[in-house]
């Protein structure tokens, strides 16, 4: 059971890191649509910062899970 849980955590970590990388790929495509909305046009810098921050957190969290999966020598 422990081995199965460990592999699941590794897959989850890789998925988190890939989701974070996907955020960095997707943000430049989505921001023009958000800037076009009148309600959010004055908040674009804050929204952009939040999106990039979420991407960084996902990559770091996934990287930590992958790093913790491998035993230390």
PDB file of N, CA and C in Angstrom:
ATOM      1  N   UNK A   1       0.819  -1.198   0.000  1.00  0.00           N
ATOM      2  CA  UNK A   1       0.000   0.000   0.000  1.00  0.00           C
ATOM      3  C   UNK A   1       0.861   1.261   0.000  1.00  0.00           C
ATOM      4  N   UNK A   2       1.949   1.233   0.732  1.00  0.00           N
ATOM      5  CA  UNK A   2       2.805   2.402   0.803  1.00  0.00           C
ATOM      6  C   UNK A   2       3.428   2.710  -0.552  1.00  0.00           C
ATOM      7  N   UNK A   3       3.801   1.663  -1.296  1.00  0.00           N
ATOM      8  CA  UNK A   3       4.376   1.854  -2.624  1.00  0.00           C
ATOM      9  C   UNK A   3       3.347   2.457  -3.579  1.00  0.00           C
ATOM     10  N   UNK A   4       2.097   1.992  -3.487  1.00  0.00           N
ATOM     11  CA  UNK A   4       1.033   2.513  -4.342  1.00  0.00           C
ATOM     12  C   UNK A   4       0.765   3.984  -4.019  1.00  0.00           C
ATOM     13  N   UNK A   5       0.760   4.308  -2.731  1.00  0.00           N
ATOM     14  CA  UNK A   5       0.534   5.694  -2.315  1.00  0.00           C
ATOM     15  C   UNK A   5       1.692   6.578  -2.781  1.00  0.00           C
ATOM     16  N   UNK A   6       2.903   6.055  -2.714  1.00  0.00           N
ATOM     17  CA  UNK A   6       4.068   6.812  -3.128  1.00  0.00           C
ATOM     18  C   UNK A   6       4.020   7.119  -4.628  1.00  0.00           C
ATOM     19  N   UNK A   7       3.620   6.147  -5.423  1.00  0.00           N
ATOM     20  CA  UNK A   7       3.517   6.375  -6.863  1.00  0.00           C
ATOM     21  C   UNK A   7       2.406   7.374  -7.164  1.00  0.00           C
ATOM     22  N   UNK A   8       1.317   7.297  -6.425  1.00  0.00           N
ATOM     23  CA  UNK A   8       0.228   8.259  -6.618  1.00  0.00           C
ATOM     24  C   UNK A   8       0.692   9.671  -6.279  1.00  0.00           C
ATOM     25  N   UNK A   9       1.495   9.812  -5.233  1.00  0.00           N
ATOM     26  CA  UNK A   9       2.014  11.132  -4.872  1.00  0.00           C
ATOM     27  C   UNK A   9       2.969  11.662  -5.943  1.00  0.00           C
ATOM     28  N   UNK A  10       3.762  10.772  -6.528  1.00  0.00           N
ATOM     29  CA  UNK A  10       4.657  11.180  -7.608  1.00  0.00           C
ATOM     30  C   UNK A  10       3.861  11.667  -8.815  1.00  0.00           C
ATOM     31  N   UNK A  11       2.831  10.923  -9.189  1.00  0.00           N
ATOM     32  CA  UNK A  11       1.992  11.325 -10.322  1.00  0.00           C
ATOM     33  C   UNK A  11       1.296  12.649 -10.024  1.00  0.00           C
ATOM     34  N   UNK A  12       0.829  12.815  -8.792  1.00  0.00           N
ATOM     35  CA  UNK A  12       0.168  14.059  -8.400  1.00  0.00           C
ATOM     36  C   UNK A  12       1.150  15.229  -8.473  1.00  0.00           C
ATOM     37  N   UNK A  13       2.386  15.025  -8.035  1.00  0.00           N
ATOM     38  CA  UNK A  13       3.394  16.079  -8.095  1.00  0.00           C
ATOM     39  C   UNK A  13       3.713  16.481  -9.520  1.00  0.00           C
ATOM     40  N   UNK A  14       3.840  15.494 -10.398  1.00  0.00           N
ATOM     41  CA  UNK A  14       4.099  15.797 -11.806  1.00  0.00           C
ATOM     42  C   UNK A  14       2.921  16.549 -12.410  1.00  0.00           C
ATOM     43  N   UNK A  15       1.713  16.145 -12.046  1.00  0.00           N
ATOM     44  CA  UNK A  15       0.515  16.826 -12.557  1.00  0.00           C
ATOM     45  C   UNK A  15       0.455  18.272 -12.098  1.00  0.00           C
ATOM     46  N   UNK A  16       0.795  18.512 -10.838  1.00  0.00           N
ATOM     47  CA  UNK A  16       0.805  19.885 -10.328  1.00  0.00           C
ATOM     48  C   UNK A  16       1.815  20.741 -11.081  1.00  0.00           C
ATOM     49  N   UNK A  17       3.012  20.204 -11.285  1.00  0.00           N
ATOM     50  CA  UNK A  17       4.046  20.963 -11.986  1.00  0.00           C
ATOM     51  C   UNK A  17       3.628  21.247 -13.431  1.00  0.00           C
ATOM     52  N   UNK A  18       3.031  20.282 -14.088  1.00  0.00           N
ATOM     53  CA  UNK A  18       2.575  20.499 -15.468  1.00  0.00           C
ATOM     54  C   UNK A  18       1.436  21.520 -15.526  1.00  0.00           C
ATOM     55  N   UNK A  19       0.570  21.507 -14.519  1.00  0.00           N
ATOM     56  CA  UNK A  19      -0.503  22.511 -14.471  1.00  0.00           C
ATOM     57  C   UNK A  19       0.088  23.909 -14.305  1.00  0.00           C
ATOM     58  N   UNK A  20       1.130  24.030 -13.499  1.00  0.00           N
ATOM     59  CA  UNK A  20       1.795  25.320 -13.335  1.00  0.00           C
ATOM     60  C   UNK A  20       2.441  25.805 -14.618  1.00  0.00           C
ATOM     61  N   UNK A  21       3.082  24.888 -15.333  1.00  0.00           N
ATOM     62  CA  UNK A  21       3.682  25.254 -16.618  1.00  0.00           C
ATOM     63  C   UNK A  21       2.593  25.642 -17.606  1.00  0.00           C
ATOM     64  N   UNK A  22       1.478  24.938 -17.570  1.00  0.00           N
ATOM     65  CA  UNK A  22       0.347  25.272 -18.436  1.00  0.00           C
ATOM     66  C   UNK A  22      -0.207  26.658 -18.146  1.00  0.00           C
ATOM     67  N   UNK A  23      -0.159  27.065 -16.874  1.00  0.00           N
ATOM     68  CA  UNK A  23      -0.608  28.419 -16.527  1.00  0.00           C
ATOM     69  C   UNK A  23       0.253  29.463 -17.242  1.00  0.00           C
ATOM     70  N   UNK A  24       1.571  29.261 -17.240  1.00  0.00           N
ATOM     71  CA  UNK A  24       2.461  30.214 -17.903  1.00  0.00           C
ATOM     72  C   UNK A  24       2.237  30.243 -19.407  1.00  0.00           C
ATOM     73  N   UNK A  25       1.835  29.130 -19.971  1.00  0.00           N
ATOM     74  CA  UNK A  25       1.552  29.073 -21.396  1.00  0.00           C
ATOM     75  C   UNK A  25       0.217  29.750 -21.723  1.00  0.00           C
ATOM     76  N   UNK A  26      -0.750  29.622 -20.840  1.00  0.00           N
ATOM     77  CA  UNK A  26      -2.115  30.072 -21.114  1.00  0.00           C
ATOM     78  C   UNK A  26      -2.360  31.552 -20.767  1.00  0.00           C
ATOM     79  N   UNK A  27      -1.635  32.105 -19.807  1.00  0.00           N
ATOM     80  CA  UNK A  27      -1.883  33.475 -19.353  1.00  0.00           C
ATOM     81  C   UNK A  27      -1.811  34.490 -20.495  1.00  0.00           C
ATOM     82  N   UNK A  28      -0.785  34.470 -21.356  1.00  0.00           N
ATOM     83  CA  UNK A  28      -0.753  35.461 -22.439  1.00  0.00           C
ATOM     84  C   UNK A  28      -1.936  35.358 -23.404  1.00  0.00           C
ATOM     85  N   UNK A  29      -2.554  34.194 -23.502  1.00  0.00           N
ATOM     86  CA  UNK A  29      -3.697  34.038 -24.392  1.00  0.00           C
ATOM     87  C   UNK A  29      -4.987  34.535 -23.751  1.00  0.00           C
ATOM     88  N   UNK A  30      -5.094  34.453 -22.436  1.00  0.00           N
ATOM     89  CA  UNK A  30      -6.328  34.797 -21.731  1.00  0.00           C
ATOM     90  C   UNK A  30      -6.380  36.271 -21.342  1.00  0.00           C
ATOM     91  N   UNK A  31      -5.230  36.874 -21.075  1.00  0.00           N
ATOM     92  CA  UNK A  31      -5.226  38.247 -20.578  1.00  0.00           C
ATOM     93  C   UNK A  31      -5.875  39.250 -21.532  1.00  0.00           C
ATOM     94  N   UNK A  32      -5.695  39.163 -22.845  1.00  0.00           N
ATOM     95  CA  UNK A  32      -6.399  40.123 -23.709  1.00  0.00           C
ATOM     96  C   UNK A  32      -7.928  40.043 -23.576  1.00  0.00           C
ATOM     97  N   UNK A  33      -8.444  38.843 -23.347  1.00  0.00           N
ATOM     98  CA  UNK A  33      -9.892  38.702 -23.159  1.00  0.00           C
ATOM     99  C   UNK A  33     -10.333  39.346 -21.856  1.00  0.00           C
ATOM    100  N   UNK A  34      -9.529  39.187 -20.807  1.00  0.00           N
ATOM    101  CA  UNK A  34      -9.859  39.791 -19.519  1.00  0.00           C
ATOM    102  C   UNK A  34      -9.739  41.307 -19.596  1.00  0.00           C
ATOM    103  N   UNK A  35      -8.714  41.806 -20.297  1.00  0.00           N
ATOM    104  CA  UNK A  35      -8.554  43.248 -20.450  1.00  0.00           C
ATOM    105  C   UNK A  35      -9.710  43.853 -21.237  1.00  0.00           C
ATOM    106  N   UNK A  36     -10.328  43.073 -22.097  1.00  0.00           N
ATOM    107  CA  UNK A  36     -11.461  43.558 -22.876  1.00  0.00           C
ATOM    108  C   UNK A  36     -12.732  43.738 -22.061  1.00  0.00           C
ATOM    109  N   UNK A  37     -12.812  43.095 -20.914  1.00  0.00           N
ATOM    110  CA  UNK A  37     -13.974  43.249 -20.032  1.00  0.00           C
ATOM    111  C   UNK A  37     -13.846  44.557 -19.254  1.00  0.00           C
ATOM    112  N   UNK A  38     -14.860  45.348 -19.302  1.00  0.00           N
ATOM    113  CA  UNK A  38     -14.810  46.681 -18.701  1.00  0.00           C
ATOM    114  C   UNK A  38     -14.611  46.639 -17.185  1.00  0.00           C
ATOM    115  N   UNK A  39     -15.199  45.641 -16.516  1.00  0.00           N
ATOM    116  CA  UNK A  39     -15.104  45.556 -15.058  1.00  0.00           C
ATOM    117  C   UNK A  39     -13.663  45.311 -14.597  1.00  0.00           C
ATOM    118  N   UNK A  40     -12.883  44.580 -15.385  1.00  0.00           N
ATOM    119  CA  UNK A  40     -11.553  44.174 -14.967  1.00  0.00           C
ATOM    120  C   UNK A  40     -10.431  44.974 -15.617  1.00  0.00           C
ATOM    121  N   UNK A  41     -10.733  45.943 -16.439  1.00  0.00           N
ATOM    122  CA  UNK A  41      -9.690  46.652 -17.181  1.00  0.00           C
ATOM    123  C   UNK A  41      -8.738  47.411 -16.259  1.00  0.00           C
ATOM    124  N   UNK A  42      -9.224  47.878 -15.114  1.00  0.00           N
ATOM    125  CA  UNK A  42      -8.341  48.616 -14.200  1.00  0.00           C
ATOM    126  C   UNK A  42      -7.551  47.687 -13.276  1.00  0.00           C
ATOM    127  N   UNK A  43      -7.893  46.417 -13.256  1.00  0.00           N
ATOM    128  CA  UNK A  43      -7.240  45.461 -12.351  1.00  0.00           C
ATOM    129  C   UNK A  43      -6.306  44.498 -13.079  1.00  0.00           C
ATOM    130  N   UNK A  44      -5.915  44.794 -14.294  1.00  0.00           N
ATOM    131  CA  UNK A  44      -5.164  43.826 -15.082  1.00  0.00           C
ATOM    132  C   UNK A  44      -3.812  43.485 -14.463  1.00  0.00           C
ATOM    133  N   UNK A  45      -3.145  44.452 -13.868  1.00  0.00           N
ATOM    134  CA  UNK A  45      -1.841  44.164 -13.263  1.00  0.00           C
ATOM    135  C   UNK A  45      -2.011  43.207 -12.092  1.00  0.00           C
ATOM    136  N   UNK A  46      -3.008  43.447 -11.261  1.00  0.00           N
ATOM    137  CA  UNK A  46      -3.274  42.579 -10.110  1.00  0.00           C
ATOM    138  C   UNK A  46      -3.680  41.174 -10.570  1.00  0.00           C
ATOM    139  N   UNK A  47      -4.517  41.082 -11.570  1.00  0.00           N
ATOM    140  CA  UNK A  47      -4.964  39.788 -12.080  1.00  0.00           C
ATOM    141  C   UNK A  47      -3.794  39.020 -12.695  1.00  0.00           C
ATOM    142  N   UNK A  48      -2.974  39.714 -13.453  1.00  0.00           N
ATOM    143  CA  UNK A  48      -1.805  39.073 -14.061  1.00  0.00           C
ATOM    144  C   UNK A  48      -0.857  38.551 -12.976  1.00  0.00           C
ATOM    145  N   UNK A  49      -0.621  39.376 -11.935  1.00  0.00           N
ATOM    146  CA  UNK A  49       0.231  38.940 -10.822  1.00  0.00           C
ATOM    147  C   UNK A  49      -0.340  37.690 -10.157  1.00  0.00           C
ATOM    148  N   UNK A  50      -1.648  37.671  -9.911  1.00  0.00           N
ATOM    149  CA  UNK A  50      -2.280  36.519  -9.256  1.00  0.00           C
ATOM    150  C   UNK A  50      -2.160  35.253 -10.105  1.00  0.00           C
ATOM    151  N   UNK A  51      -2.360  35.369 -11.406  1.00  0.00           N
ATOM    152  CA  UNK A  51      -2.238  34.206 -12.277  1.00  0.00           C
ATOM    153  C   UNK A  51      -0.813  33.650 -12.264  1.00  0.00           C
ATOM    154  N   UNK A  52       0.182  34.543 -12.380  1.00  0.00           N
ATOM    155  CA  UNK A  52       1.566  34.078 -12.365  1.00  0.00           C
ATOM    156  C   UNK A  52       1.938  33.504 -11.005  1.00  0.00           C
ATOM    157  N   UNK A  53       1.422  34.085  -9.935  1.00  0.00           N
ATOM    158  CA  UNK A  53       1.691  33.578  -8.592  1.00  0.00           C
ATOM    159  C   UNK A  53       1.117  32.171  -8.420  1.00  0.00           C
ATOM    160  N   UNK A  54      -0.085  31.947  -8.926  1.00  0.00           N
ATOM    161  CA  UNK A  54      -0.684  30.612  -8.871  1.00  0.00           C
ATOM    162  C   UNK A  54       0.183  29.614  -9.646  1.00  0.00           C
ATOM    163  N   UNK A  55       0.676  30.019 -10.809  1.00  0.00           N
ATOM    164  CA  UNK A  55       1.546  29.145 -11.595  1.00  0.00           C
ATOM    165  C   UNK A  55       2.820  28.783 -10.848  1.00  0.00           C
ATOM    166  N   UNK A  56       3.424  29.763 -10.184  1.00  0.00           N
ATOM    167  CA  UNK A  56       4.649  29.509  -9.413  1.00  0.00           C
ATOM    168  C   UNK A  56       4.366  28.567  -8.256  1.00  0.00           C
ATOM    169  N   UNK A  57       3.254  28.774  -7.556  1.00  0.00           N
ATOM    170  CA  UNK A  57       2.900  27.905  -6.431  1.00  0.00           C
ATOM    171  C   UNK A  57       2.667  26.471  -6.909  1.00  0.00           C
ATOM    172  N   UNK A  58       2.002  26.303  -8.034  1.00  0.00           N
ATOM    173  CA  UNK A  58       1.772  24.959  -8.570  1.00  0.00           C
ATOM    174  C   UNK A  58       3.083  24.265  -8.936  1.00  0.00           C
ATOM    175  N   UNK A  59       3.978  24.987  -9.584  1.00  0.00           N
ATOM    176  CA  UNK A  59       5.256  24.400  -9.970  1.00  0.00           C
ATOM    177  C   UNK A  59       6.079  24.042  -8.733  1.00  0.00           C
ATOM    178  N   UNK A  60       6.131  24.937  -7.759  1.00  0.00           N
ATOM    179  CA  UNK A  60       6.908  24.658  -6.540  1.00  0.00           C
ATOM    180  C   UNK A  60       6.311  23.498  -5.750  1.00  0.00           C
ATOM    181  N   UNK A  61       5.001  23.458  -5.628  1.00  0.00           N
ATOM    182  CA  UNK A  61       4.359  22.364  -4.905  1.00  0.00           C
ATOM    183  C   UNK A  61       4.563  21.031  -5.582  1.00  0.00           C
ATOM    184  N   UNK A  62       4.431  21.008  -6.891  1.00  0.00           N
ATOM    185  CA  UNK A  62       4.664  19.774  -7.632  1.00  0.00           C
ATOM    186  C   UNK A  62       6.123  19.351  -7.576  1.00  0.00           C
ATOM    187  N   UNK A  63       7.017  20.326  -7.677  1.00  0.00           N
ATOM    188  CA  UNK A  63       8.440  20.018  -7.585  1.00  0.00           C
ATOM    189  C   UNK A  63       8.819  19.460  -6.227  1.00  0.00           C
ATOM    190  N   UNK A  64       8.213  19.991  -5.169  1.00  0.00           N
ATOM    191  CA  UNK A  64       8.486  19.488  -3.828  1.00  0.00           C
ATOM    192  C   UNK A  64       8.013  18.049  -3.681  1.00  0.00           C
ATOM    193  N   UNK A  65       6.838  17.740  -4.211  1.00  0.00           N
ATOM    194  CA  UNK A  65       6.333  16.360  -4.140  1.00  0.00           C
ATOM    195  C   UNK A  65       7.238  15.399  -4.903  1.00  0.00           C
ATOM    196  N   UNK A  66       7.703  15.808  -6.072  1.00  0.00           N
ATOM    197  CA  UNK A  66       8.593  14.959  -6.852  1.00  0.00           C
ATOM    198  C   UNK A  66       9.934  14.802  -6.137  1.00  0.00           C
ATOM    199  N   UNK A  67      10.449  15.891  -5.582  1.00  0.00           N
ATOM    200  CA  UNK A  67      11.722  15.850  -4.862  1.00  0.00           C
ATOM    201  C   UNK A  67      11.629  14.956  -3.624  1.00  0.00           C
ATOM    202  N   UNK A  68      10.529  15.046  -2.904  1.00  0.00           N
ATOM    203  CA  UNK A  68      10.348  14.229  -1.700  1.00  0.00           C
ATOM    204  C   UNK A  68      10.144  12.749  -2.018  1.00  0.00           C
ATOM    205  N   UNK A  69       9.771  12.437  -3.242  1.00  0.00           N
ATOM    206  CA  UNK A  69       9.533  11.045  -3.621  1.00  0.00           C
ATOM    207  C   UNK A  69      10.827  10.243  -3.633  1.00  0.00           C
ATOM    208  N   UNK A  70      11.922  10.871  -4.062  1.00  0.00           N
ATOM    209  CA  UNK A  70      13.191  10.155  -4.181  1.00  0.00           C
ATOM    210  C   UNK A  70      13.932  10.145  -2.858  1.00  0.00           C
ATOM    211  N   UNK A  71      14.462   8.993  -2.471  1.00  0.00           N
ATOM    212  CA  UNK A  71      15.154   8.890  -1.167  1.00  0.00           C
ATOM    213  C   UNK A  71      16.463   9.676  -1.189  1.00  0.00           C
ATOM    214  N   UNK A  72      16.799  10.190  -0.041  1.00  0.00           N
ATOM    215  CA  UNK A  72      18.052  10.945   0.096  1.00  0.00           C
ATOM    216  C   UNK A  72      19.184   9.967   0.380  1.00  0.00           C
ATOM    217  N   UNK A  73      20.330  10.231  -0.195  1.00  0.00           N
ATOM    218  CA  UNK A  73      21.453   9.314   0.012  1.00  0.00           C
ATOM    219  C   UNK A  73      22.339   9.765   1.159  1.00  0.00           C
TER     220      UNK A  73
END
